[in-house]
PDB file of all heavy atoms in Angstrom:
ATOM      1  N   ILE A   1       0.837  -1.195   0.000  1.00  0.00           N
ATOM      2  CA  ILE A   1       0.000   0.000   0.000  1.00  0.00           C
ATOM      3  C   ILE A   1       0.875   1.249   0.000  1.00  0.00           C
ATOM      4  O   ILE A   1       0.678   2.177  -0.773  1.00  0.00           O
ATOM      5  CB  ILE A   1      -0.931   0.018   1.228  1.00  0.00           C
ATOM      6  CG1 ILE A   1      -1.904  -1.162   1.178  1.00  0.00           C
ATOM      7  CG2 ILE A   1      -1.686   1.344   1.325  1.00  0.00           C
ATOM      8  CD1 ILE A   1      -2.680  -1.375   2.457  1.00  0.00           C
ATOM      9  N   ARG A   2       1.860   1.268   0.857  1.00  0.00           N
ATOM     10  CA  ARG A   2       2.668   2.462   1.121  1.00  0.00           C
ATOM     11  C   ARG A   2       3.760   2.698   0.084  1.00  0.00           C
ATOM     12  O   ARG A   2       4.086   3.841  -0.227  1.00  0.00           O
ATOM     13  CB  ARG A   2       3.268   2.301   2.512  1.00  0.00           C
ATOM     14  CG  ARG A   2       4.021   3.462   3.040  1.00  0.00           C
ATOM     15  CD  ARG A   2       4.639   3.128   4.372  1.00  0.00           C
ATOM     16  NE  ARG A   2       5.488   1.952   4.222  1.00  0.00           N
ATOM     17  CZ  ARG A   2       5.570   0.966   5.101  1.00  0.00           C
ATOM     18  NH1 ARG A   2       4.873   0.977   6.193  1.00  0.00           N
ATOM     19  NH2 ARG A   2       6.364  -0.051   4.887  1.00  0.00           N
ATOM     20  N   ASP A   3       4.342   1.648  -0.467  1.00  0.00           N
ATOM     21  CA  ASP A   3       5.545   1.781  -1.282  1.00  0.00           C
ATOM     22  C   ASP A   3       5.337   1.616  -2.787  1.00  0.00           C
ATOM     23  O   ASP A   3       6.299   1.638  -3.538  1.00  0.00           O
ATOM     24  CB  ASP A   3       6.600   0.761  -0.829  1.00  0.00           C
ATOM     25  CG  ASP A   3       7.006   0.961   0.610  1.00  0.00           C
ATOM     26  OD1 ASP A   3       6.898   2.093   1.113  1.00  0.00           O
ATOM     27  OD2 ASP A   3       7.436  -0.014   1.240  1.00  0.00           O
ATOM     28  N   PHE A   4       4.113   1.452  -3.229  1.00  0.00           N
ATOM     29  CA  PHE A   4       3.870   1.207  -4.648  1.00  0.00           C
ATOM     30  C   PHE A   4       3.316   2.462  -5.301  1.00  0.00           C
ATOM     31  O   PHE A   4       2.447   3.139  -4.748  1.00  0.00           O
ATOM     32  CB  PHE A   4       2.895   0.034  -4.823  1.00  0.00           C
ATOM     33  CG  PHE A   4       2.878  -0.517  -6.213  1.00  0.00           C
ATOM     34  CD1 PHE A   4       3.909  -1.324  -6.667  1.00  0.00           C
ATOM     35  CD2 PHE A   4       1.851  -0.216  -7.065  1.00  0.00           C
ATOM     36  CE1 PHE A   4       3.901  -1.824  -7.960  1.00  0.00           C
ATOM     37  CE2 PHE A   4       1.821  -0.709  -8.362  1.00  0.00           C
ATOM     38  CZ  PHE A   4       2.863  -1.516  -8.800  1.00  0.00           C
ATOM     39  N   TRP A   5       3.797   2.794  -6.481  1.00  0.00           N
ATOM     40  CA  TRP A   5       3.351   3.994  -7.198  1.00  0.00           C
ATOM     41  C   TRP A   5       1.879   3.870  -7.563  1.00  0.00           C
ATOM     42  O   TRP A   5       1.333   2.766  -7.628  1.00  0.00           O
ATOM     43  CB  TRP A   5       4.194   4.226  -8.444  1.00  0.00           C
ATOM     44  CG  TRP A   5       4.141   3.093  -9.433  1.00  0.00           C
ATOM     45  CD1 TRP A   5       4.939   1.985  -9.436  1.00  0.00           C
ATOM     46  CD2 TRP A   5       3.221   2.937 -10.500  1.00  0.00           C
ATOM     47  NE1 TRP A   5       4.580   1.161 -10.464  1.00  0.00           N
ATOM     48  CE2 TRP A   5       3.525   1.725 -11.143  1.00  0.00           C
ATOM     49  CE3 TRP A   5       2.188   3.702 -10.998  1.00  0.00           C
ATOM     50  CZ2 TRP A   5       2.822   1.265 -12.237  1.00  0.00           C
ATOM     51  CZ3 TRP A   5       1.480   3.238 -12.094  1.00  0.00           C
ATOM     52  CH2 TRP A   5       1.806   2.030 -12.699  1.00  0.00           C
ATOM     53  N   ARG A   6       1.242   4.994  -7.792  1.00  0.00           N
ATOM     54  CA  ARG A   6      -0.179   5.027  -8.133  1.00  0.00           C
ATOM     55  C   ARG A   6      -0.414   5.809  -9.429  1.00  0.00           C
ATOM     56  O   ARG A   6       0.319   6.725  -9.759  1.00  0.00           O
ATOM     57  CB  ARG A   6      -0.981   5.743  -7.048  1.00  0.00           C
ATOM     58  CG  ARG A   6      -0.978   5.096  -5.685  1.00  0.00           C
ATOM     59  CD  ARG A   6      -1.784   3.810  -5.712  1.00  0.00           C
ATOM     60  NE  ARG A   6      -2.132   3.343  -4.397  1.00  0.00           N
ATOM     61  CZ  ARG A   6      -1.322   2.697  -3.589  1.00  0.00           C
ATOM     62  NH1 ARG A   6      -0.093   2.481  -3.951  1.00  0.00           N
ATOM     63  NH2 ARG A   6      -1.722   2.276  -2.428  1.00  0.00           N
ATOM     64  N   VAL A   7      -1.473   5.452 -10.080  1.00  0.00           N
ATOM     65  CA  VAL A   7      -1.998   6.218 -11.197  1.00  0.00           C
ATOM     66  C   VAL A   7      -3.220   6.943 -10.644  1.00  0.00           C
ATOM     67  O   VAL A   7      -4.020   6.352  -9.921  1.00  0.00           O
ATOM     68  CB  VAL A   7      -2.422   5.294 -12.363  1.00  0.00           C
ATOM     69  CG1 VAL A   7      -3.121   6.076 -13.449  1.00  0.00           C
ATOM     70  CG2 VAL A   7      -1.222   4.548 -12.895  1.00  0.00           C
ATOM     71  N   CYS A   8      -3.344   8.224 -10.951  1.00  0.00           N
ATOM     72  CA  CYS A   8      -4.491   8.960 -10.436  1.00  0.00           C
ATOM     73  C   CYS A   8      -5.010   9.929 -11.487  1.00  0.00           C
ATOM     74  O   CYS A   8      -4.325  10.244 -12.450  1.00  0.00           O
ATOM     75  CB  CYS A   8      -4.127   9.705  -9.153  1.00  0.00           C
ATOM     76  SG  CYS A   8      -2.824  10.914  -9.338  1.00  0.00           S
ATOM     77  N   SER A   9      -6.233  10.384 -11.263  1.00  0.00           N
ATOM     78  CA  SER A   9      -6.864  11.299 -12.188  1.00  0.00           C
ATOM     79  C   SER A   9      -7.850  12.167 -11.417  1.00  0.00           C
ATOM     80  O   SER A   9      -8.315  11.788 -10.345  1.00  0.00           O
ATOM     81  CB  SER A   9      -7.605  10.509 -13.264  1.00  0.00           C
ATOM     82  OG  SER A   9      -8.221  11.385 -14.174  1.00  0.00           O
ATOM     83  N   GLY A  10      -8.158  13.334 -11.967  1.00  0.00           N
ATOM     84  CA  GLY A  10      -9.150  14.206 -11.360  1.00  0.00           C
ATOM     85  C   GLY A  10     -10.068  14.761 -12.419  1.00  0.00           C
ATOM     86  O   GLY A  10      -9.700  14.867 -13.593  1.00  0.00           O
ATOM     87  N   CYS A  11     -11.273  15.157 -12.010  1.00  0.00           N
ATOM     88  CA  CYS A  11     -12.246  15.688 -12.971  1.00  0.00           C
ATOM     89  C   CYS A  11     -11.903  17.116 -13.381  1.00  0.00           C
ATOM     90  O   CYS A  11     -12.416  17.603 -14.382  1.00  0.00           O
ATOM     91  CB  CYS A  11     -13.648  15.614 -12.396  1.00  0.00           C
ATOM     92  SG  CYS A  11     -13.885  16.627 -10.929  1.00  0.00           S
ATOM     93  N   THR A  12     -11.056  17.777 -12.608  1.00  0.00           N
ATOM     94  CA  THR A  12     -10.581  19.127 -12.940  1.00  0.00           C
ATOM     95  C   THR A  12      -9.084  19.185 -12.630  1.00  0.00           C
ATOM     96  O   THR A  12      -8.572  18.340 -11.878  1.00  0.00           O
ATOM     97  CB  THR A  12     -11.297  20.203 -12.100  1.00  0.00           C
ATOM     98  OG1 THR A  12     -10.957  20.002 -10.730  1.00  0.00           O
ATOM     99  CG2 THR A  12     -12.808  20.171 -12.286  1.00  0.00           C
ATOM    100  N   PRO A  13      -8.378  20.166 -13.146  1.00  0.00           N
ATOM    101  CA  PRO A  13      -6.962  20.300 -12.800  1.00  0.00           C
ATOM    102  C   PRO A  13      -6.741  20.432 -11.283  1.00  0.00           C
ATOM    103  O   PRO A  13      -5.812  19.853 -10.737  1.00  0.00           O
ATOM    104  CB  PRO A  13      -6.522  21.553 -13.542  1.00  0.00           C
ATOM    105  CG  PRO A  13      -7.424  21.608 -14.737  1.00  0.00           C
ATOM    106  CD  PRO A  13      -8.754  21.122 -14.215  1.00  0.00           C
ATOM    107  N   GLU A  14      -7.627  21.174 -10.601  1.00  0.00           N
ATOM    108  CA  GLU A  14      -7.483  21.316  -9.143  1.00  0.00           C
ATOM    109  C   GLU A  14      -7.660  19.978  -8.438  1.00  0.00           C
ATOM    110  O   GLU A  14      -6.912  19.638  -7.518  1.00  0.00           O
ATOM    111  CB  GLU A  14      -8.481  22.323  -8.590  1.00  0.00           C
ATOM    112  CG  GLU A  14      -8.318  22.524  -7.087  1.00  0.00           C
ATOM    113  CD  GLU A  14      -9.351  23.447  -6.472  1.00  0.00           C
ATOM    114  OE1 GLU A  14     -10.239  23.949  -7.181  1.00  0.00           O
ATOM    115  OE2 GLU A  14      -9.247  23.664  -5.249  1.00  0.00           O
ATOM    116  N   ALA A  15      -8.636  19.190  -8.854  1.00  0.00           N
ATOM    117  CA  ALA A  15      -8.854  17.878  -8.242  1.00  0.00           C
ATOM    118  C   ALA A  15      -7.635  16.986  -8.459  1.00  0.00           C
ATOM    119  O   ALA A  15      -7.189  16.291  -7.541  1.00  0.00           O
ATOM    120  CB  ALA A  15     -10.103  17.222  -8.822  1.00  0.00           C
ATOM    121  N   ARG A  16      -7.080  17.009  -9.666  1.00  0.00           N
ATOM    122  CA  ARG A  16      -5.885  16.207  -9.950  1.00  0.00           C
ATOM    123  C   ARG A  16      -4.712  16.643  -9.079  1.00  0.00           C
ATOM    124  O   ARG A  16      -4.024  15.823  -8.483  1.00  0.00           O
ATOM    125  CB  ARG A  16      -5.520  16.296 -11.429  1.00  0.00           C
ATOM    126  CG  ARG A  16      -4.314  15.417 -11.790  1.00  0.00           C
ATOM    127  CD  ARG A  16      -3.869  15.635 -13.223  1.00  0.00           C
ATOM    128  NE  ARG A  16      -3.632  17.024 -13.559  1.00  0.00           N
ATOM    129  CZ  ARG A  16      -2.513  17.682 -13.258  1.00  0.00           C
ATOM    130  NH1 ARG A  16      -1.551  17.096 -12.609  1.00  0.00           N
ATOM    131  NH2 ARG A  16      -2.374  18.949 -13.619  1.00  0.00           N
ATOM    132  N   GLU A  17      -4.495  17.955  -8.988  1.00  0.00           N
ATOM    133  CA  GLU A  17      -3.387  18.459  -8.172  1.00  0.00           C
ATOM    134  C   GLU A  17      -3.545  18.063  -6.710  1.00  0.00           C
ATOM    135  O   GLU A  17      -2.567  17.699  -6.051  1.00  0.00           O
ATOM    136  CB  GLU A  17      -3.309  19.984  -8.284  1.00  0.00           C
ATOM    137  CG  GLU A  17      -2.839  20.458  -9.650  1.00  0.00           C
ATOM    138  CD  GLU A  17      -3.053  21.942  -9.866  1.00  0.00           C
ATOM    139  OE1 GLU A  17      -3.361  22.661  -8.885  1.00  0.00           O
ATOM    140  OE2 GLU A  17      -2.917  22.384 -11.028  1.00  0.00           O
ATOM    141  N   ARG A  18      -4.775  18.104  -6.213  1.00  0.00           N
ATOM    142  CA  ARG A  18      -4.994  17.768  -4.809  1.00  0.00           C
ATOM    143  C   ARG A  18      -4.807  16.281  -4.535  1.00  0.00           C
ATOM    144  O   ARG A  18      -4.276  15.897  -3.500  1.00  0.00           O
ATOM    145  CB  ARG A  18      -6.362  18.259  -4.372  1.00  0.00           C
ATOM    146  CG  ARG A  18      -6.350  19.802  -4.302  1.00  0.00           C
ATOM    147  CD  ARG A  18      -7.666  20.387  -3.966  1.00  0.00           C
ATOM    148  NE  ARG A  18      -7.938  20.255  -2.539  1.00  0.00           N
ATOM    149  CZ  ARG A  18      -8.956  20.850  -1.946  1.00  0.00           C
ATOM    150  NH1 ARG A  18      -9.775  21.617  -2.652  1.00  0.00           N
ATOM    151  NH2 ARG A  18      -9.171  20.679  -0.668  1.00  0.00           N
ATOM    152  N   VAL A  19      -5.216  15.411  -5.468  1.00  0.00           N
ATOM    153  CA  VAL A  19      -5.007  13.979  -5.243  1.00  0.00           C
ATOM    154  C   VAL A  19      -3.524  13.638  -5.349  1.00  0.00           C
ATOM    155  O   VAL A  19      -3.015  12.815  -4.597  1.00  0.00           O
ATOM    156  CB  VAL A  19      -5.880  13.095  -6.165  1.00  0.00           C
ATOM    157  CG1 VAL A  19      -5.382  13.068  -7.595  1.00  0.00           C
ATOM    158  CG2 VAL A  19      -5.952  11.671  -5.625  1.00  0.00           C
ATOM    159  N   VAL A  20      -2.791  14.285  -6.261  1.00  0.00           N
ATOM    160  CA  VAL A  20      -1.343  14.069  -6.360  1.00  0.00           C
ATOM    161  C   VAL A  20      -0.667  14.504  -5.066  1.00  0.00           C
ATOM    162  O   VAL A  20       0.172  13.788  -4.516  1.00  0.00           O
ATOM    163  CB  VAL A  20      -0.745  14.813  -7.579  1.00  0.00           C
ATOM    164  CG1 VAL A  20       0.775  14.835  -7.527  1.00  0.00           C
ATOM    165  CG2 VAL A  20      -1.213  14.159  -8.868  1.00  0.00           C
ATOM    166  N   LYS A  21      -1.048  15.670  -4.535  1.00  0.00           N
ATOM    167  CA  LYS A  21      -0.479  16.169  -3.281  1.00  0.00           C
ATOM    168  C   LYS A  21      -0.748  15.175  -2.153  1.00  0.00           C
ATOM    169  O   LYS A  21       0.136  14.831  -1.372  1.00  0.00           O
ATOM    170  CB  LYS A  21      -1.058  17.537  -2.938  1.00  0.00           C
ATOM    171  CG  LYS A  21      -0.495  18.147  -1.665  1.00  0.00           C
ATOM    172  CD  LYS A  21      -1.109  19.521  -1.436  1.00  0.00           C
ATOM    173  CE  LYS A  21      -0.493  20.227  -0.251  1.00  0.00           C
ATOM    174  NZ  LYS A  21      -0.865  19.712   1.032  1.00  0.00           N
ATOM    175  N   PHE A  22      -1.997  14.706  -2.054  1.00  0.00           N
ATOM    176  CA  PHE A  22      -2.353  13.738  -1.019  1.00  0.00           C
ATOM    177  C   PHE A  22      -1.517  12.467  -1.131  1.00  0.00           C
ATOM    178  O   PHE A  22      -0.940  12.001  -0.146  1.00  0.00           O
ATOM    179  CB  PHE A  22      -3.848  13.393  -1.107  1.00  0.00           C
ATOM    180  CG  PHE A  22      -4.239  12.258  -0.209  1.00  0.00           C
ATOM    181  CD1 PHE A  22      -4.398  12.455   1.144  1.00  0.00           C
ATOM    182  CD2 PHE A  22      -4.430  10.983  -0.725  1.00  0.00           C
ATOM    183  CE1 PHE A  22      -4.747  11.404   1.976  1.00  0.00           C
ATOM    184  CE2 PHE A  22      -4.783   9.930   0.090  1.00  0.00           C
ATOM    185  CZ  PHE A  22      -4.941  10.144   1.459  1.00  0.00           C
ATOM    186  N   LEU A  23      -1.443  11.902  -2.337  1.00  0.00           N
ATOM    187  CA  LEU A  23      -0.690  10.664  -2.507  1.00  0.00           C
ATOM    188  C   LEU A  23       0.793  10.857  -2.195  1.00  0.00           C
ATOM    189  O   LEU A  23       1.425   9.986  -1.609  1.00  0.00           O
ATOM    190  CB  LEU A  23      -0.877  10.122  -3.925  1.00  0.00           C
ATOM    191  CG  LEU A  23      -2.269   9.577  -4.222  1.00  0.00           C
ATOM    192  CD1 LEU A  23      -2.399   9.237  -5.704  1.00  0.00           C
ATOM    193  CD2 LEU A  23      -2.598   8.386  -3.351  1.00  0.00           C
ATOM    194  N   ASN A  24       1.355  11.998  -2.569  1.00  0.00           N
ATOM    195  CA  ASN A  24       2.768  12.251  -2.268  1.00  0.00           C
ATOM    196  C   ASN A  24       3.015  12.394  -0.776  1.00  0.00           C
ATOM    197  O   ASN A  24       4.134  12.179  -0.310  1.00  0.00           O
ATOM    198  CB  ASN A  24       3.271  13.480  -3.022  1.00  0.00           C
ATOM    199  CG  ASN A  24       3.553  13.166  -4.473  1.00  0.00           C
ATOM    200  OD1 ASN A  24       3.986  12.069  -4.812  1.00  0.00           O
ATOM    201  ND2 ASN A  24       3.306  14.128  -5.336  1.00  0.00           N
TER     202      ASN A  24
END
């Protein structure tokens, strides 16, 4: 869970940026 990279997407640029920030 902790050490594996993720693919993510958001419905808007802000949503994408926030999910990337969270995952990082």
